[in-house]
Amino acid sequence: MHILQPKHSKLNEKESSELLKKMNISKSQLPKIYSDDPAISGMCEIGDIIKIERKSPDGKSFFYYRVVV
């Protein structure tokens, strides 16, 4: 992982279902990320949900979610 690359982490089944329920969406409505993406290589399978944490210059964290295809 590169120092400028945001942190990528895989959600477990419970976290995934809570996220989808909270956002009132299905997995197919989430943006996609390829399984061979270097940021997640080897840690995910197709259908997993990835949480991406990015930090702004003022130190606040923002979270983005992607489903692995």
C-alpha atoms as a PDB file:
ATOM      1  CA  MET A   1       0.000   0.000   0.000  1.00  0.00           C
ATOM      2  CA  HIS A   2       1.241   3.456  -0.899  1.00  0.00           C
ATOM      3  CA  ILE A   3       1.293   6.265   1.685  1.00  0.00           C
ATOM      4  CA  LEU A   4      -1.084   8.366  -0.453  1.00  0.00           C
ATOM      5  CA  GLN A   5      -3.527   5.497  -1.002  1.00  0.00           C
ATOM      6  CA  PRO A   6      -6.645   5.695   1.190  1.00  0.00           C
ATOM      7  CA  LYS A   7      -7.303   2.872   3.633  1.00  0.00           C
ATOM      8  CA  HIS A   8      -9.437   0.045   2.179  1.00  0.00           C
ATOM      9  CA  SER A   9     -11.120  -2.450   4.488  1.00  0.00           C
ATOM     10  CA  LYS A  10     -13.578  -5.276   3.915  1.00  0.00           C
ATOM     11  CA  LEU A  11     -16.898  -5.185   5.775  1.00  0.00           C
ATOM     12  CA  ASN A  12     -18.122  -8.376   7.412  1.00  0.00           C
ATOM     13  CA  GLU A  13     -21.624  -9.726   6.706  1.00  0.00           C
ATOM     14  CA  LYS A  14     -23.211  -7.971   9.711  1.00  0.00           C
ATOM     15  CA  GLU A  15     -21.651  -4.593   8.841  1.00  0.00           C
ATOM     16  CA  SER A  16     -22.656  -5.028   5.194  1.00  0.00           C
ATOM     17  CA  SER A  17     -26.295  -5.764   5.985  1.00  0.00           C
ATOM     18  CA  GLU A  18     -26.466  -2.859   8.478  1.00  0.00           C
ATOM     19  CA  LEU A  19     -25.008  -0.471   5.884  1.00  0.00           C
ATOM     20  CA  LEU A  20     -27.438  -1.563   3.176  1.00  0.00           C
ATOM     21  CA  LYS A  21     -30.384  -1.295   5.585  1.00  0.00           C
ATOM     22  CA  LYS A  22     -29.262   2.139   6.847  1.00  0.00           C
ATOM     23  CA  MET A  23     -28.835   3.486   3.293  1.00  0.00           C
ATOM     24  CA  ASN A  24     -31.981   1.660   2.083  1.00  0.00           C
ATOM     25  CA  ILE A  25     -30.227   0.281  -1.004  1.00  0.00           C
ATOM     26  CA  SER A  26     -29.115  -3.047  -2.457  1.00  0.00           C
ATOM     27  CA  LYS A  27     -25.572  -4.140  -3.313  1.00  0.00           C
ATOM     28  CA  SER A  28     -26.253  -3.540  -6.994  1.00  0.00           C
ATOM     29  CA  GLN A  29     -26.813   0.169  -6.283  1.00  0.00           C
ATOM     30  CA  LEU A  30     -23.339   0.667  -4.778  1.00  0.00           C
ATOM     31  CA  PRO A  31     -20.489   1.870  -6.994  1.00  0.00           C
ATOM     32  CA  LYS A  32     -18.242  -0.943  -8.264  1.00  0.00           C
ATOM     33  CA  ILE A  33     -14.576  -1.795  -7.750  1.00  0.00           C
ATOM     34  CA  TYR A  34     -12.803  -4.549  -9.694  1.00  0.00           C
ATOM     35  CA  SER A  35     -11.496  -7.564  -7.797  1.00  0.00           C
ATOM     36  CA  ASP A  36      -8.078  -7.122  -9.422  1.00  0.00           C
ATOM     37  CA  ASP A  37      -7.735  -3.518  -8.226  1.00  0.00           C
ATOM     38  CA  PRO A  38      -4.268  -3.173  -6.599  1.00  0.00           C
ATOM     39  CA  ALA A  39      -5.760  -1.529  -3.495  1.00  0.00           C
ATOM     40  CA  ILE A  40      -7.743  -4.666  -2.584  1.00  0.00           C
ATOM     41  CA  SER A  41      -5.821  -7.431  -4.312  1.00  0.00           C
ATOM     42  CA  GLY A  42      -6.026 -10.726  -2.477  1.00  0.00           C
ATOM     43  CA  MET A  43      -8.245  -9.604   0.380  1.00  0.00           C
ATOM     44  CA  CYS A  44     -11.694  -9.693  -1.226  1.00  0.00           C
ATOM     45  CA  GLU A  45     -14.050 -11.845  -3.224  1.00  0.00           C
ATOM     46  CA  ILE A  46     -16.766 -10.851  -5.669  1.00  0.00           C
ATOM     47  CA  GLY A  47     -19.790  -9.467  -3.822  1.00  0.00           C
ATOM     48  CA  ASP A  48     -17.867  -8.147  -0.799  1.00  0.00           C
ATOM     49  CA  ILE A  49     -18.363  -4.545   0.270  1.00  0.00           C
ATOM     50  CA  ILE A  50     -15.264  -2.378   0.701  1.00  0.00           C
ATOM     51  CA  LYS A  51     -15.068   0.672   2.948  1.00  0.00           C
ATOM     52  CA  ILE A  52     -12.655   3.372   1.758  1.00  0.00           C
ATOM     53  CA  GLU A  53     -11.506   5.967   4.285  1.00  0.00           C
ATOM     54  CA  ARG A  54     -10.175   9.251   2.986  1.00  0.00           C
ATOM     55  CA  LYS A  55      -8.967  12.123   5.118  1.00  0.00           C
ATOM     56  CA  SER A  56      -9.427  15.766   4.235  1.00  0.00           C
ATOM     57  CA  PRO A  57      -6.659  18.327   4.832  1.00  0.00           C
ATOM     58  CA  ASP A  58      -8.385  19.440   8.035  1.00  0.00           C
ATOM     59  CA  GLY A  59      -8.226  15.889   9.441  1.00  0.00           C
ATOM     60  CA  LYS A  60     -11.855  14.825   8.994  1.00  0.00           C
ATOM     61  CA  SER A  61     -12.501  11.323   7.692  1.00  0.00           C
ATOM     62  CA  PHE A  62     -14.901  10.537   4.872  1.00  0.00           C
ATOM     63  CA  PHE A  63     -16.095   7.042   4.039  1.00  0.00           C
ATOM     64  CA  TYR A  64     -16.975   5.648   0.630  1.00  0.00           C
ATOM     65  CA  TYR A  65     -18.307   2.194  -0.117  1.00  0.00           C
ATOM     66  CA  ARG A  66     -17.798  -0.049  -3.154  1.00  0.00           C
ATOM     67  CA  VAL A  67     -18.943  -3.550  -4.063  1.00  0.00           C
ATOM     68  CA  VAL A  68     -16.378  -5.916  -5.579  1.00  0.00           C
ATOM     69  CA  VAL A  69     -17.157  -7.133  -9.104  1.00  0.00           C
END
